[in-house]
C-alpha atoms as a PDB file:
ATOM      1  CA  MET A   1     114.937  75.232  98.340  1.00  0.00           C
ATOM      2  CA  ASP A   2     115.100  76.068 101.989  1.00  0.00           C
ATOM      3  CA  ASP A   3     112.427  78.538 102.207  1.00  0.00           C
ATOM      4  CA  ASP A   4     110.822  79.438  99.241  1.00  0.00           C
ATOM      5  CA  LEU A   5     111.693  80.881  96.085  1.00  0.00           C
ATOM      6  CA  ARG A   6     114.229  82.451  93.939  1.00  0.00           C
ATOM      7  CA  SER A   7     113.180  84.483  90.909  1.00  0.00           C
ATOM      8  CA  LEU A   8     113.467  84.232  87.134  1.00  0.00           C
ATOM      9  CA  ARG A   9     116.871  84.216  85.490  1.00  0.00           C
ATOM     10  CA  GLU A  10     116.015  87.113  83.167  1.00  0.00           C
ATOM     11  CA  TRP A  11     116.941  89.572  85.934  1.00  0.00           C
ATOM     12  CA  ARG A  12     120.081  87.693  86.850  1.00  0.00           C
ATOM     13  CA  ALA A  13     122.433  89.499  84.493  1.00  0.00           C
ATOM     14  CA  GLU A  14     120.960  92.931  85.161  1.00  0.00           C
ATOM     15  CA  ILE A  15     120.639  93.378  88.885  1.00  0.00           C
ATOM     16  CA  PRO A  16     123.630  93.387  91.252  1.00  0.00           C
ATOM     17  CA  GLU A  17     123.688  91.571  94.575  1.00  0.00           C
ATOM     18  CA  PRO A  18     122.087  93.531  97.436  1.00  0.00           C
ATOM     19  CA  GLY A  19     124.493  95.553  99.539  1.00  0.00           C
ATOM     20  CA  GLN A  20     125.744  94.335 102.870  1.00  0.00           C
ATOM     21  CA  GLU A  21     123.311  96.596 104.671  1.00  0.00           C
ATOM     22  CA  TRP A  22     120.601  94.103 103.733  1.00  0.00           C
ATOM     23  CA  ILE A  23     122.513  90.873 104.330  1.00  0.00           C
ATOM     24  CA  ILE A  24     120.834  90.087 107.616  1.00  0.00           C
ATOM     25  CA  PRO A  25     121.240  86.830 109.565  1.00  0.00           C
ATOM     26  CA  GLN A  26     118.113  85.335 108.018  1.00  0.00           C
ATOM     27  CA  ARG A  27     119.210  86.218 104.502  1.00  0.00           C
ATOM     28  CA  ARG A  28     118.512  82.775 103.119  1.00  0.00           C
ATOM     29  CA  ARG A  29     114.870  82.791 104.213  1.00  0.00           C
ATOM     30  CA  LEU A  30     114.116  86.239 102.883  1.00  0.00           C
ATOM     31  CA  LEU A  31     116.331  86.889  99.917  1.00  0.00           C
ATOM     32  CA  THR A  32     116.184  83.551  98.140  1.00  0.00           C
ATOM     33  CA  ARG A  33     112.609  84.345  97.222  1.00  0.00           C
ATOM     34  CA  ILE A  34     112.785  88.074  96.658  1.00  0.00           C
ATOM     35  CA  ARG A  35     116.424  88.504  95.766  1.00  0.00           C
ATOM     36  CA  GLY A  36     117.761  91.968  95.076  1.00  0.00           C
ATOM     37  CA  ARG A  37     119.847  90.633  92.203  1.00  0.00           C
ATOM     38  CA  GLY A  38     118.773  89.307  88.885  1.00  0.00           C
ATOM     39  CA  ARG A  39     116.182  86.868  90.104  1.00  0.00           C
ATOM     40  CA  THR A  40     113.984  89.340  91.932  1.00  0.00           C
ATOM     41  CA  LEU A  41     110.362  88.476  91.875  1.00  0.00           C
ATOM     42  CA  GLY A  42     110.398  86.751  88.524  1.00  0.00           C
ATOM     43  CA  ARG A  43     109.004  83.545  89.879  1.00  0.00           C
ATOM     44  CA  ARG A  44     106.191  85.394  91.476  1.00  0.00           C
ATOM     45  CA  LEU A  45     104.509  87.358  88.776  1.00  0.00           C
ATOM     46  CA  LEU A  46     101.070  88.114  87.486  1.00  0.00           C
ATOM     47  CA  MET A  47      98.457  88.573  84.830  1.00  0.00           C
ATOM     48  CA  VAL A  48      94.926  89.735  85.465  1.00  0.00           C
ATOM     49  CA  GLY A  49      91.873  87.498  85.022  1.00  0.00           C
ATOM     50  CA  ALA A  50      88.168  88.203  85.490  1.00  0.00           C
ATOM     51  CA  LEU A  51      85.239  88.284  87.979  1.00  0.00           C
ATOM     52  CA  GLY A  52      83.803  91.260  89.800  1.00  0.00           C
ATOM     53  CA  ALA A  53      85.336  92.415  93.055  1.00  0.00           C
ATOM     54  CA  ALA A  54      82.028  92.923  94.777  1.00  0.00           C
ATOM     55  CA  ALA A  55      80.930  89.335  94.232  1.00  0.00           C
ATOM     56  CA  ALA A  56      84.284  87.962  95.339  1.00  0.00           C
ATOM     57  CA  LEU A  57      84.395  90.016  98.521  1.00  0.00           C
ATOM     58  CA  ALA A  58      80.847  89.040  99.366  1.00  0.00           C
ATOM     59  CA  VAL A  59      81.978  85.424  99.512  1.00  0.00           C
ATOM     60  CA  ILE A  60      85.349  85.735 101.203  1.00  0.00           C
ATOM     61  CA  THR A  61      84.062  87.862 104.081  1.00  0.00           C
ATOM     62  CA  LEU A  62      81.357  85.447 105.165  1.00  0.00           C
ATOM     63  CA  ARG A  63      83.351  84.234 108.169  1.00  0.00           C
ATOM     64  CA  PRO A  64      85.832  86.932 109.224  1.00  0.00           C
ATOM     65  CA  GLU A  65      88.165  86.178 112.089  1.00  0.00           C
ATOM     66  CA  PRO A  66      89.184  88.698 114.770  1.00  0.00           C
ATOM     67  CA  PRO A  67      91.864  91.056 113.444  1.00  0.00           C
ATOM     68  CA  ALA A  68      95.424  90.204 114.451  1.00  0.00           C
ATOM     69  CA  PRO A  69      97.832  92.790 115.900  1.00  0.00           C
ATOM     70  CA  ASN A  70      99.630  94.653 113.120  1.00  0.00           C
ATOM     71  CA  PRO A  71     103.257  95.772 112.984  1.00  0.00           C
ATOM     72  CA  ALA A  72     103.911  99.462 113.425  1.00  0.00           C
ATOM     73  CA  ASN A  73     103.539 101.798 110.449  1.00  0.00           C
ATOM     74  CA  THR A  74     101.354  99.427 108.440  1.00  0.00           C
ATOM     75  CA  PRO A  75      97.799 100.142 107.292  1.00  0.00           C
ATOM     76  CA  PRO A  76      94.941  98.378 109.092  1.00  0.00           C
ATOM     77  CA  VAL A  77      94.047  95.008 107.653  1.00  0.00           C
ATOM     78  CA  VAL A  78      91.198  92.560 108.144  1.00  0.00           C
ATOM     79  CA  GLN A  79      92.005  88.899 108.711  1.00  0.00           C
ATOM     80  CA  LEU A  80      89.784  86.573 106.695  1.00  0.00           C
ATOM     81  CA  ASP A  81      88.903  82.918 107.007  1.00  0.00           C
ATOM     82  CA  SER A  82      91.554  81.262 104.847  1.00  0.00           C
ATOM     83  CA  ASN A  83      89.438  78.180 104.101  1.00  0.00           C
ATOM     84  CA  VAL A  84      86.612  80.325 102.708  1.00  0.00           C
ATOM     85  CA  VAL A  85      88.964  82.504 100.652  1.00  0.00           C
ATOM     86  CA  LEU A  86      90.939  79.609  99.174  1.00  0.00           C
ATOM     87  CA  ALA A  87      87.786  77.627  98.368  1.00  0.00           C
ATOM     88  CA  HIS A  88      86.431  80.582  96.437  1.00  0.00           C
ATOM     89  CA  ALA A  89      89.790  81.139  94.756  1.00  0.00           C
ATOM     90  CA  ALA A  90      89.680  77.527  93.559  1.00  0.00           C
ATOM     91  CA  GLU A  91      86.194  78.063  92.105  1.00  0.00           C
ATOM     92  CA  VAL A  92      87.308  81.199  90.252  1.00  0.00           C
ATOM     93  CA  ALA A  93      90.495  79.553  88.960  1.00  0.00           C
ATOM     94  CA  GLY A  94      88.601  76.485  87.774  1.00  0.00           C
ATOM     95  CA  ARG A  95      86.444  78.679  85.523  1.00  0.00           C
ATOM     96  CA  ARG A  96      89.333  80.291  83.674  1.00  0.00           C
ATOM     97  CA  LYS A  97      89.940  79.627  79.992  1.00  0.00           C
ATOM     98  CA  SER A  98      92.778  77.264  79.159  1.00  0.00           C
ATOM     99  CA  ALA A  99      95.904  78.884  77.737  1.00  0.00           C
ATOM    100  CA  GLN A 100      98.025  77.452  74.960  1.00  0.00           C
ATOM    101  CA  VAL A 101     101.435  76.062  75.834  1.00  0.00           C
ATOM    102  CA  PRO A 102     104.079  78.491  74.475  1.00  0.00           C
ATOM    103  CA  LEU A 103     106.609  77.396  71.881  1.00  0.00           C
ATOM    104  CA  PRO A 104     110.209  76.874  73.057  1.00  0.00           C
ATOM    105  CA  THR A 105     111.323  79.837  70.903  1.00  0.00           C
ATOM    106  CA  GLN A 106     108.784  82.268  72.344  1.00  0.00           C
ATOM    107  CA  TRP A 107     109.659  84.622  75.205  1.00  0.00           C
ATOM    108  CA  HIS A 108     108.227  85.312  78.649  1.00  0.00           C
ATOM    109  CA  TYR A 109     108.102  89.081  79.257  1.00  0.00           C
ATOM    110  CA  THR A 110     107.771  90.492  82.771  1.00  0.00           C
ATOM    111  CA  LYS A 111     107.612  94.003  84.163  1.00  0.00           C
ATOM    112  CA  THR A 112     108.054  94.452  87.895  1.00  0.00           C
ATOM    113  CA  LEU A 113     108.387  97.137  90.542  1.00  0.00           C
ATOM    114  CA  ASP A 114     110.710  96.912  93.547  1.00  0.00           C
ATOM    115  CA  LYS A 115     110.552  99.288  96.530  1.00  0.00           C
ATOM    116  CA  GLN A 116     113.505  98.547  98.792  1.00  0.00           C
ATOM    117  CA  PRO A 117     113.414  99.102 102.571  1.00  0.00           C
ATOM    118  CA  ASN A 118     114.075 102.665 103.774  1.00  0.00           C
ATOM    119  CA  SER A 119     113.833 104.021 100.241  1.00  0.00           C
ATOM    120  CA  ASP A 120     111.261 106.211  98.522  1.00  0.00           C
ATOM    121  CA  THR A 121     112.451 105.071  95.104  1.00  0.00           C
ATOM    122  CA  VAL A 122     110.371 102.489  93.245  1.00  0.00           C
ATOM    123  CA  ARG A 123     112.555 100.737  90.685  1.00  0.00           C
ATOM    124  CA  THR A 124     110.990  99.442  87.471  1.00  0.00           C
ATOM    125  CA  ARG A 125     112.458  96.369  85.805  1.00  0.00           C
ATOM    126  CA  GLU A 126     111.642  94.732  82.500  1.00  0.00           C
ATOM    127  CA  GLY A 127     113.028  91.459  81.226  1.00  0.00           C
ATOM    128  CA  TRP A 128     112.542  88.652  78.743  1.00  0.00           C
ATOM    129  CA  MET A 129     113.333  84.948  79.124  1.00  0.00           C
ATOM    130  CA  ARG A 130     113.191  82.578  76.201  1.00  0.00           C
ATOM    131  CA  TYR A 131     110.716  79.841  77.029  1.00  0.00           C
ATOM    132  CA  ASP A 132     113.309  77.084  76.733  1.00  0.00           C
ATOM    133  CA  GLY A 133     115.575  79.072  79.091  1.00  0.00           C
ATOM    134  CA  LYS A 134     118.494  79.351  76.664  1.00  0.00           C
ATOM    135  CA  GLN A 135     118.561  83.152  76.475  1.00  0.00           C
ATOM    136  CA  SER A 136     117.522  86.176  78.510  1.00  0.00           C
ATOM    137  CA  ALA A 137     117.150  89.823  77.541  1.00  0.00           C
ATOM    138  CA  TYR A 138     116.874  93.126  79.368  1.00  0.00           C
ATOM    139  CA  LEU A 139     117.179  96.866  78.776  1.00  0.00           C
ATOM    140  CA  GLY A 140     120.578  98.401  79.446  1.00  0.00           C
ATOM    141  CA  ARG A 141     121.046 100.903  82.276  1.00  0.00           C
ATOM    142  CA  ALA A 142     123.492 103.764  82.368  1.00  0.00           C
ATOM    143  CA  ARG A 143     124.214 103.238  86.066  1.00  0.00           C
ATOM    144  CA  LEU A 144     125.553  99.797  85.165  1.00  0.00           C
ATOM    145  CA  GLY A 145     127.806 101.224  82.455  1.00  0.00           C
ATOM    146  CA  GLN A 146     125.427 100.217  79.664  1.00  0.00           C
ATOM    147  CA  GLU A 147     123.644 102.132  76.938  1.00  0.00           C
ATOM    148  CA  GLU A 148     120.380 103.267  78.496  1.00  0.00           C
ATOM    149  CA  GLY A 149     117.379 101.440  77.022  1.00  0.00           C
ATOM    150  CA  LYS A 150     119.395  99.245  74.647  1.00  0.00           C
ATOM    151  CA  LEU A 151     118.090  95.685  74.386  1.00  0.00           C
ATOM    152  CA  ILE A 152     120.777  93.296  75.611  1.00  0.00           C
ATOM    153  CA  ILE A 153     120.426  89.590  74.835  1.00  0.00           C
ATOM    154  CA  ARG A 154     122.553  87.023  76.628  1.00  0.00           C
ATOM    155  CA  ASP A 155     122.919  83.277  76.528  1.00  0.00           C
ATOM    156  CA  VAL A 156     122.035  81.511  79.779  1.00  0.00           C
ATOM    157  CA  PRO A 157     124.550  78.746  80.532  1.00  0.00           C
ATOM    158  CA  PRO A 158     123.352  75.679  82.445  1.00  0.00           C
ATOM    159  CA  ASP A 159     123.757  75.846  86.213  1.00  0.00           C
ATOM    160  CA  PRO A 160     123.438  72.308  87.596  1.00  0.00           C
ATOM    161  CA  GLY A 161     123.614  73.505  91.197  1.00  0.00           C
ATOM    162  CA  ASP A 162     120.724  75.962  90.865  1.00  0.00           C
ATOM    163  CA  ASP A 163     117.086  75.249  91.702  1.00  0.00           C
ATOM    164  CA  ASP A 164     115.807  77.762  89.159  1.00  0.00           C
ATOM    165  CA  LEU A 165     114.114  76.343  86.104  1.00  0.00           C
ATOM    166  CA  SER A 166     113.305  77.621  82.638  1.00  0.00           C
ATOM    167  CA  PRO A 167     109.693  78.655  81.932  1.00  0.00           C
ATOM    168  CA  GLN A 168     109.327  75.474  79.904  1.00  0.00           C
ATOM    169  CA  GLN A 169     110.603  73.327  82.778  1.00  0.00           C
ATOM    170  CA  TYR A 170     108.213  75.009  85.199  1.00  0.00           C
ATOM    171  CA  ASP A 171     105.354  74.280  82.829  1.00  0.00           C
ATOM    172  CA  ALA A 172     106.361  70.618  82.606  1.00  0.00           C
ATOM    173  CA  LYS A 173     106.631  70.331  86.396  1.00  0.00           C
ATOM    174  CA  LEU A 174     103.212  71.871  86.846  1.00  0.00           C
ATOM    175  CA  ARG A 175     101.577  69.494  84.392  1.00  0.00           C
ATOM    176  CA  GLU A 176     103.011  66.512  86.259  1.00  0.00           C
ATOM    177  CA  LEU A 177     101.073  67.439  89.410  1.00  0.00           C
ATOM    178  CA  PRO A 178      97.884  65.514  90.256  1.00  0.00           C
ATOM    179  CA  THR A 179      94.631  67.484  90.542  1.00  0.00           C
ATOM    180  CA  ASN A 180      93.648  65.751  93.779  1.00  0.00           C
ATOM    181  CA  PRO A 181      94.659  68.343  96.430  1.00  0.00           C
ATOM    182  CA  ARG A 182      96.034  65.850  98.969  1.00  0.00           C
ATOM    183  CA  LYS A 183      98.017  63.948  96.351  1.00  0.00           C
ATOM    184  CA  LEU A 184      99.254  67.253  94.941  1.00  0.00           C
ATOM    185  CA  LEU A 185     100.426  68.380  98.382  1.00  0.00           C
ATOM    186  CA  ALA A 186     102.198  65.063  98.955  1.00  0.00           C
ATOM    187  CA  LYS A 187     103.987  65.262  95.595  1.00  0.00           C
ATOM    188  CA  VAL A 188     105.084  68.843  96.156  1.00  0.00           C
ATOM    189  CA  THR A 189     106.348  68.041  99.657  1.00  0.00           C
ATOM    190  CA  ALA A 190     108.382  65.049  98.469  1.00  0.00           C
ATOM    191  CA  ASP A 191     109.787  66.675  95.303  1.00  0.00           C
ATOM    192  CA  ARG A 192     113.558  66.164  95.583  1.00  0.00           C
ATOM    193  CA  HIS A 193     114.250  69.150  93.352  1.00  0.00           C
ATOM    194  CA  TRP A 194     113.150  71.558  96.091  1.00  0.00           C
ATOM    195  CA  ILE A 195     114.915  69.512  98.769  1.00  0.00           C
ATOM    196  CA  ASP A 196     118.295  68.928  97.107  1.00  0.00           C
ATOM    197  CA  TYR A 197     118.766  72.296  95.389  1.00  0.00           C
ATOM    198  CA  PRO A 198     120.216  74.867  95.235  1.00  0.00           C
ATOM    199  CA  ASN A 199     123.801  73.922  95.889  1.00  0.00           C
ATOM    200  CA  GLU A 200     125.403  77.279  96.637  1.00  0.00           C
ATOM    201  CA  GLU A 201     129.021  77.672  97.623  1.00  0.00           C
ATOM    202  CA  GLY A 202     129.399  78.725 101.229  1.00  0.00           C
ATOM    203  CA  VAL A 203     125.727  78.178 102.084  1.00  0.00           C
ATOM    204  CA  PRO A 204     125.033  75.293 104.498  1.00  0.00           C
ATOM    205  CA  LYS A 205     122.553  72.762 103.162  1.00  0.00           C
ATOM    206  CA  SER A 206     119.173  72.727 104.910  1.00  0.00           C
ATOM    207  CA  ALA A 207     115.905  71.421 103.483  1.00  0.00           C
ATOM    208  CA  GLY A 208     113.641  73.185 105.972  1.00  0.00           C
ATOM    209  CA  PRO A 209     110.342  71.921 107.408  1.00  0.00           C
ATOM    210  CA  ASP A 210     107.996  70.144 104.998  1.00  0.00           C
ATOM    211  CA  ALA A 211     105.138  72.602 105.548  1.00  0.00           C
ATOM    212  CA  ASP A 212     107.369  75.624 104.896  1.00  0.00           C
ATOM    213  CA  ARG A 213     108.713  74.076 101.716  1.00  0.00           C
ATOM    214  CA  ALA A 214     105.281  72.992 100.457  1.00  0.00           C
ATOM    215  CA  TYR A 215     103.851  76.451 101.069  1.00  0.00           C
ATOM    216  CA  GLY A 216     106.737  78.088  99.225  1.00  0.00           C
ATOM    217  CA  VAL A 217     106.560  75.766  96.223  1.00  0.00           C
ATOM    218  CA  ILE A 218     102.784  76.143  95.853  1.00  0.00           C
ATOM    219  CA  MET A 219     103.038  79.931  96.001  1.00  0.00           C
ATOM    220  CA  LEU A 220     105.802  79.740  93.417  1.00  0.00           C
ATOM    221  CA  TYR A 221     103.613  77.714  91.092  1.00  0.00           C
ATOM    222  CA  LEU A 222     100.646  80.040  91.617  1.00  0.00           C
ATOM    223  CA  SER A 223     102.826  82.964  90.572  1.00  0.00           C
ATOM    224  CA  ARG A 224     103.714  81.184  87.305  1.00  0.00           C
ATOM    225  CA  TYR A 225     100.232  80.731  85.955  1.00  0.00           C
ATOM    226  CA  GLY A 226     100.664  81.765  82.316  1.00  0.00           C
ATOM    227  CA  SER A 227      99.937  78.374  80.765  1.00  0.00           C
ATOM    228  CA  MET A 228      98.579  76.534  83.793  1.00  0.00           C
ATOM    229  CA  PRO A 229      95.501  74.324  83.258  1.00  0.00           C
ATOM    230  CA  PRO A 230      92.526  75.794  85.193  1.00  0.00           C
ATOM    231  CA  ARG A 231      91.784  72.544  87.080  1.00  0.00           C
ATOM    232  CA  LEU A 232      95.375  72.382  88.262  1.00  0.00           C
ATOM    233  CA  GLU A 233      95.364  75.984  89.453  1.00  0.00           C
ATOM    234  CA  ALA A 234      92.171  75.267  91.384  1.00  0.00           C
ATOM    235  CA  SER A 235      93.839  72.253  92.998  1.00  0.00           C
ATOM    236  CA  LEU A 236      96.829  74.363  94.045  1.00  0.00           C
ATOM    237  CA  PHE A 237      94.516  76.653  95.990  1.00  0.00           C
ATOM    238  CA  ARG A 238      92.806  73.669  97.610  1.00  0.00           C
ATOM    239  CA  ALA A 239      96.169  72.131  98.509  1.00  0.00           C
ATOM    240  CA  LEU A 240      97.283  75.444 100.016  1.00  0.00           C
ATOM    241  CA  ALA A 241      94.287  75.264 102.354  1.00  0.00           C
ATOM    242  CA  LEU A 242      95.582  71.925 103.689  1.00  0.00           C
ATOM    243  CA  ILE A 243      98.838  73.450 104.944  1.00  0.00           C
ATOM    244  CA  PRO A 244      98.667  74.453 108.627  1.00  0.00           C
ATOM    245  CA  GLY A 245      99.267  78.034 109.707  1.00  0.00           C
ATOM    246  CA  VAL A 246      98.144  79.786 106.503  1.00  0.00           C
ATOM    247  CA  HIS A 247      96.558  83.194 107.123  1.00  0.00           C
ATOM    248  CA  ILE A 248      94.945  85.672 104.754  1.00  0.00           C
ATOM    249  CA  GLU A 249      94.492  89.389 105.349  1.00  0.00           C
ATOM    250  CA  GLN A 250      92.517  91.870 103.310  1.00  0.00           C
ATOM    251  CA  GLY A 251      94.040  95.253 102.542  1.00  0.00           C
ATOM    252  CA  VAL A 252      97.706  94.380 101.940  1.00  0.00           C
ATOM    253  CA  SER A 253      99.381  96.606  99.326  1.00  0.00           C
ATOM    254  CA  ASP A 254     102.084  95.820  96.776  1.00  0.00           C
ATOM    255  CA  ALA A 255     104.768  98.189  95.433  1.00  0.00           C
ATOM    256  CA  ALA A 256     102.289  99.633  92.929  1.00  0.00           C
ATOM    257  CA  GLY A 257      99.889 100.552  95.730  1.00  0.00           C
ATOM    258  CA  ARG A 258      97.355  97.908  94.727  1.00  0.00           C
ATOM    259  CA  SER A 259      95.438  96.558  97.690  1.00  0.00           C
ATOM    260  CA  GLY A 260      94.860  92.811  97.679  1.00  0.00           C
ATOM    261  CA  LEU A 261      94.705  89.652  99.755  1.00  0.00           C
ATOM    262  CA  GLY A 262      97.931  89.055 101.657  1.00  0.00           C
ATOM    263  CA  ILE A 263      98.727  85.380 102.280  1.00  0.00           C
ATOM    264  CA  TRP A 264     101.315  84.422 104.895  1.00  0.00           C
ATOM    265  CA  ARG A 265     102.219  81.339 106.865  1.00  0.00           C
ATOM    266  CA  GLU A 266     102.802  81.270 110.590  1.00  0.00           C
ATOM    267  CA  GLY A 267     105.962  79.279 111.253  1.00  0.00           C
ATOM    268  CA  ASN A 268     107.459  77.882 114.428  1.00  0.00           C
ATOM    269  CA  GLY A 269     110.592  80.039 114.531  1.00  0.00           C
ATOM    270  CA  ASP A 270     111.289  83.509 115.900  1.00  0.00           C
ATOM    271  CA  THR A 271     110.810  85.352 112.622  1.00  0.00           C
ATOM    272  CA  ALA A 272     111.892  88.976 112.421  1.00  0.00           C
ATOM    273  CA  TYR A 273     109.577  89.747 109.530  1.00  0.00           C
ATOM    274  CA  ARG A 274     106.295  88.728 107.939  1.00  0.00           C
ATOM    275  CA  ARG A 275     106.230  88.134 104.226  1.00  0.00           C
ATOM    276  CA  TYR A 276     102.964  88.407 102.322  1.00  0.00           C
ATOM    277  CA  ASP A 277     102.225  86.966  98.898  1.00  0.00           C
ATOM    278  CA  ILE A 278      99.523  89.230  97.502  1.00  0.00           C
ATOM    279  CA  LEU A 279      96.620  88.124  95.298  1.00  0.00           C
ATOM    280  CA  ASP A 280      94.087  90.224  93.447  1.00  0.00           C
ATOM    281  CA  ARG A 281      90.959  90.142  95.613  1.00  0.00           C
ATOM    282  CA  ALA A 282      88.661  89.491  92.643  1.00  0.00           C
ATOM    283  CA  THR A 283      90.674  87.341  90.226  1.00  0.00           C
ATOM    284  CA  TYR A 284      93.123  85.713  92.675  1.00  0.00           C
ATOM    285  CA  ARG A 285      95.974  86.364  90.275  1.00  0.00           C
ATOM    286  CA  TYR A 286      99.381  87.012  91.811  1.00  0.00           C
ATOM    287  CA  LEU A 287     100.211  90.715  92.359  1.00  0.00           C
ATOM    288  CA  GLY A 288     103.482  90.833  94.284  1.00  0.00           C
ATOM    289  CA  THR A 289     104.938  90.714  97.787  1.00  0.00           C
ATOM    290  CA  ARG A 290     105.124  92.786 100.954  1.00  0.00           C
ATOM    291  CA  THR A 291     107.628  92.066 103.712  1.00  0.00           C
ATOM    292  CA  VAL A 292     107.144  93.838 107.060  1.00  0.00           C
ATOM    293  CA  TRP A 293     109.719  93.695 109.857  1.00  0.00           C
ATOM    294  CA  LEU A 294     108.068  92.782 113.156  1.00  0.00           C
ATOM    295  CA  ARG A 295     111.037  93.832 115.294  1.00  0.00           C
ATOM    296  CA  ASP A 296     114.370  95.598 114.935  1.00  0.00           C
ATOM    297  CA  GLU A 297     116.960  93.513 113.087  1.00  0.00           C
ATOM    298  CA  PHE A 298     120.654  93.767 113.973  1.00  0.00           C
ATOM    299  CA  LEU A 299     123.774  92.625 112.205  1.00  0.00           C
ATOM    300  CA  LEU A 300     126.240  90.829 114.442  1.00  0.00           C
ATOM    301  CA  GLY A 301     128.246  93.304 116.487  1.00  0.00           C
ATOM    302  CA  GLU A 302     126.111  96.320 115.562  1.00  0.00           C
ATOM    303  CA  ASP A 303     124.487  98.529 118.222  1.00  0.00           C
ATOM    304  CA  GLU A 304     122.039 100.211 115.838  1.00  0.00           C
ATOM    305  CA  PRO A 305     119.430  98.131 113.982  1.00  0.00           C
ATOM    306  CA  THR A 306     120.070  97.511 110.311  1.00  0.00           C
ATOM    307  CA  VAL A 307     116.321  97.259 109.762  1.00  0.00           C
ATOM    308  CA  ARG A 308     113.840  98.826 112.161  1.00  0.00           C
ATOM    309  CA  LYS A 309     110.480  97.448 113.216  1.00  0.00           C
ATOM    310  CA  GLY A 310     107.768  98.448 110.760  1.00  0.00           C
ATOM    311  CA  THR A 311     110.143  98.687 107.766  1.00  0.00           C
ATOM    312  CA  VAL A 312     108.524  97.501 104.524  1.00  0.00           C
ATOM    313  CA  TRP A 313     109.982  95.931 101.380  1.00  0.00           C
ATOM    314  CA  SER A 314     107.442  95.523  98.594  1.00  0.00           C
ATOM    315  CA  THR A 315     107.362  94.309  94.994  1.00  0.00           C
ATOM    316  CA  ALA A 316     104.753  94.221  92.257  1.00  0.00           C
ATOM    317  CA  LEU A 317     104.264  92.431  88.973  1.00  0.00           C
ATOM    318  CA  LEU A 318     102.731  94.715  86.368  1.00  0.00           C
ATOM    319  CA  SER A 319     102.923  92.461  83.327  1.00  0.00           C
ATOM    320  CA  SER A 320     103.627  88.809  82.598  1.00  0.00           C
ATOM    321  CA  VAL A 321     102.885  87.710  79.037  1.00  0.00           C
ATOM    322  CA  ILE A 322     104.205  85.433  76.312  1.00  0.00           C
ATOM    323  CA  VAL A 323     105.632  87.282  73.277  1.00  0.00           C
ATOM    324  CA  ASP A 324     107.294  86.229  70.042  1.00  0.00           C
ATOM    325  CA  ARG A 325     110.601  88.087  70.385  1.00  0.00           C
ATOM    326  CA  PRO A 326     112.697  89.939  72.971  1.00  0.00           C
ATOM    327  CA  GLY A 327     111.872  93.634  73.184  1.00  0.00           C
ATOM    328  CA  GLN A 328     108.182  92.951  72.541  1.00  0.00           C
ATOM    329  CA  ARG A 329     105.798  93.809  75.351  1.00  0.00           C
ATOM    330  CA  GLY A 330     102.654  92.079  74.194  1.00  0.00           C
END
């Protein structure tokens, strides 16, 4: 998993590959985690917990850092002390009620928004994935030659070269993690699944730096919190604080316009964009993503930029619940 995450298979059959106008040189880093095709955002989705916003903000703003320069055309944000924020997030997560483990025949329903770069259209997507990963379901779309709104159920064949997992497999992987933050970080970093996969035809194999991979995997797990034990979720936040280069900014918005805490990691490369994972500022549940281009991005041989500095691509998770059958929204 070179750099983060791909999304749930329930979108895979519905959404086409992004057009060439978005296949930029760093496609693997950006699109594997927020792919424009069927796996968009699914691995990074939310529910809403509890705790008042005023109390949470009172804690996380105890030690603000000087604001960092912002890309053009983005709202002002306030950089927070990541250690303070993540420590409080761990406390909040540790107080959550435990959720029951879903049955293999139940379904994971998600509803997401996707606002593509240079577009005013916000696309809504709904999908269902059977918990054992054997089937997916979505609503047909006329633009894809399907009956609008018709529930379409498809079998999901095994893909041994993919790094995506069924909801049930994610749950099992999560429960194997230790609750000691340092041991958890070590296990995540050394997990061969995220090093060896995916095996995609025509894509050179590269495992990526350990810190990048660990950050991506932890954020992936935090986005899949439906049946996560509270102590384990708390440990994920504490392990995230051990990764160097993690920053948190207040006032980062998702595709639904919800303002939250934007988490990003400062890498060593010359990155053309900054990608935020957004958490609710009171509950620390996952809200969505926001990717901001920090400079113009060119395709090879092009004189005009394909993506201009300040361009934004955002997503949002509106619902993520376990239901008994496809078509049910909880």
